[in-house]
Amino acid sequence: MQSVPSYSPTKIITMIKSLTVREVFARVSSIKKQLWGDEFWSDGYYVGTVGQHANEAVIKQYVKNQGQEEEYVQLHVQQLKLF
């Protein structure tokens, strides 16, 4: 997504969470019964930024490679070596 600098990441995430949960509840009202503590979204979030020279293909490849098991295991092995 792209935004203007006048909106903080917190404001953007708050709007996204609010709008999406409102739409989900409107379309699938029975989902409220399945939620623990009536919370749809967790309290936290992650925001990453890209420079002006990144393009859709670069971002798409980055997202596609997220969550690969080998990378996850390697990251944790490296982190554990710190201790």
C-alpha atoms as a PDB file:
ATOM      1  CA  MET A   1       0.000   0.000   0.000  1.00  0.00           C
ATOM      2  CA  GLN A   2       1.108   3.561  -0.473  1.00  0.00           C
ATOM      3  CA  SER A   3       0.381   6.540   1.733  1.00  0.00           C
ATOM      4  CA  VAL A   4       1.151  10.193   2.101  1.00  0.00           C
ATOM      5  CA  PRO A   5       3.646  11.252   4.791  1.00  0.00           C
ATOM      6  CA  SER A   6       0.952  13.055   6.796  1.00  0.00           C
ATOM      7  CA  TYR A   7      -0.519   9.722   7.965  1.00  0.00           C
ATOM      8  CA  SER A   8       1.449   7.873  10.617  1.00  0.00           C
ATOM      9  CA  PRO A   9       1.813   4.086  10.307  1.00  0.00           C
ATOM     10  CA  THR A  10      -0.245   3.737  13.502  1.00  0.00           C
ATOM     11  CA  LYS A  11      -3.112   5.740  12.022  1.00  0.00           C
ATOM     12  CA  ILE A  12      -3.026   3.723   8.797  1.00  0.00           C
ATOM     13  CA  ILE A  13      -3.026   0.372  10.610  1.00  0.00           C
ATOM     14  CA  THR A  14      -5.839   1.522  12.906  1.00  0.00           C
ATOM     15  CA  MET A  15      -7.938   2.494   9.891  1.00  0.00           C
ATOM     16  CA  ILE A  16      -7.198  -0.781   8.078  1.00  0.00           C
ATOM     17  CA  LYS A  17      -8.068  -2.894  11.112  1.00  0.00           C
ATOM     18  CA  SER A  18     -11.237  -0.929  11.795  1.00  0.00           C
ATOM     19  CA  LEU A  19     -12.504  -1.031   8.222  1.00  0.00           C
ATOM     20  CA  THR A  20     -11.698  -4.684   7.623  1.00  0.00           C
ATOM     21  CA  VAL A  21     -13.230  -5.952  10.857  1.00  0.00           C
ATOM     22  CA  ARG A  22     -16.371  -3.912  10.216  1.00  0.00           C
ATOM     23  CA  GLU A  23     -16.653  -5.454   6.750  1.00  0.00           C
ATOM     24  CA  VAL A  24     -15.966  -8.999   7.982  1.00  0.00           C
ATOM     25  CA  PHE A  25     -18.602  -8.679  10.716  1.00  0.00           C
ATOM     26  CA  ALA A  26     -21.100  -7.264   8.211  1.00  0.00           C
ATOM     27  CA  ARG A  27     -20.533 -10.149   5.807  1.00  0.00           C
ATOM     28  CA  VAL A  28     -20.095 -12.988   8.339  1.00  0.00           C
ATOM     29  CA  SER A  29     -21.813 -11.959  11.549  1.00  0.00           C
ATOM     30  CA  SER A  30     -21.530 -15.487  12.996  1.00  0.00           C
ATOM     31  CA  ILE A  31     -17.758 -15.074  13.265  1.00  0.00           C
ATOM     32  CA  LYS A  32     -18.171 -13.028  16.459  1.00  0.00           C
ATOM     33  CA  LYS A  33     -19.238 -16.201  18.272  1.00  0.00           C
ATOM     34  CA  GLN A  34     -15.921 -17.855  17.370  1.00  0.00           C
ATOM     35  CA  LEU A  35     -13.706 -15.070  18.687  1.00  0.00           C
ATOM     36  CA  TRP A  36     -12.014 -15.229  22.039  1.00  0.00           C
ATOM     37  CA  GLY A  37     -12.735 -12.042  23.980  1.00  0.00           C
ATOM     38  CA  ASP A  38     -14.538 -10.511  20.975  1.00  0.00           C
ATOM     39  CA  GLU A  39     -11.160  -9.483  19.504  1.00  0.00           C
ATOM     40  CA  PHE A  40     -10.678  -9.940  15.767  1.00  0.00           C
ATOM     41  CA  TRP A  41      -7.231  -8.353  15.467  1.00  0.00           C
ATOM     42  CA  SER A  42      -4.281  -8.676  17.805  1.00  0.00           C
ATOM     43  CA  ASP A  43      -3.021  -5.505  19.474  1.00  0.00           C
ATOM     44  CA  GLY A  44       0.294  -5.472  17.638  1.00  0.00           C
ATOM     45  CA  TYR A  45       1.302  -4.939  14.048  1.00  0.00           C
ATOM     46  CA  TYR A  46       4.352  -4.770  11.831  1.00  0.00           C
ATOM     47  CA  VAL A  47       5.081  -1.993   9.377  1.00  0.00           C
ATOM     48  CA  GLY A  48       7.934  -2.089   6.915  1.00  0.00           C
ATOM     49  CA  THR A  49       8.830   0.530   4.372  1.00  0.00           C
ATOM     50  CA  VAL A  50      10.474   0.460   0.982  1.00  0.00           C
ATOM     51  CA  GLY A  51      12.326   3.191  -0.791  1.00  0.00           C
ATOM     52  CA  GLN A  52      11.085   5.035  -3.810  1.00  0.00           C
ATOM     53  CA  HIS A  53      13.154   2.783  -6.100  1.00  0.00           C
ATOM     54  CA  ALA A  54      11.420  -0.450  -5.150  1.00  0.00           C
ATOM     55  CA  ASN A  55       8.815  -1.718  -7.544  1.00  0.00           C
ATOM     56  CA  GLU A  56       5.920  -4.126  -7.375  1.00  0.00           C
ATOM     57  CA  ALA A  57       7.977  -7.094  -8.608  1.00  0.00           C
ATOM     58  CA  VAL A  58      10.644  -6.608  -5.910  1.00  0.00           C
ATOM     59  CA  ILE A  59       8.051  -6.293  -3.151  1.00  0.00           C
ATOM     60  CA  LYS A  60       6.069  -9.273  -4.462  1.00  0.00           C
ATOM     61  CA  GLN A  61       9.197 -11.466  -4.448  1.00  0.00           C
ATOM     62  CA  TYR A  62      10.074 -10.301  -0.930  1.00  0.00           C
ATOM     63  CA  VAL A  63       6.593 -11.135   0.400  1.00  0.00           C
ATOM     64  CA  LYS A  64       6.569 -14.471  -1.444  1.00  0.00           C
ATOM     65  CA  ASN A  65       9.817 -15.475   0.265  1.00  0.00           C
ATOM     66  CA  GLN A  66       8.586 -14.619   3.752  1.00  0.00           C
ATOM     67  CA  GLY A  67       7.801 -17.489   6.039  1.00  0.00           C
ATOM     68  CA  GLN A  68       9.883 -20.112   4.226  1.00  0.00           C
ATOM     69  CA  GLU A  69      10.676 -22.817   6.750  1.00  0.00           C
ATOM     70  CA  GLU A  70      14.385 -22.999   5.916  1.00  0.00           C
ATOM     71  CA  GLU A  71      14.814 -19.259   6.506  1.00  0.00           C
ATOM     72  CA  TYR A  72      12.832 -19.448   9.742  1.00  0.00           C
ATOM     73  CA  VAL A  73      14.954 -22.310  11.089  1.00  0.00           C
ATOM     74  CA  GLN A  74      18.201 -20.626  10.018  1.00  0.00           C
ATOM     75  CA  LEU A  75      17.192 -17.353  11.667  1.00  0.00           C
ATOM     76  CA  HIS A  76      16.445 -19.096  14.956  1.00  0.00           C
ATOM     77  CA  VAL A  77      19.657 -21.115  14.838  1.00  0.00           C
ATOM     78  CA  GLN A  78      21.608 -17.887  14.350  1.00  0.00           C
ATOM     79  CA  GLN A  79      19.729 -16.205  17.181  1.00  0.00           C
ATOM     80  CA  LEU A  80      20.372 -19.103  19.551  1.00  0.00           C
ATOM     81  CA  LYS A  81      24.098 -18.912  18.811  1.00  0.00           C
ATOM     82  CA  LEU A  82      24.069 -15.466  20.428  1.00  0.00           C
ATOM     83  CA  PHE A  83      23.420 -17.112  23.774  1.00  0.00           C
END
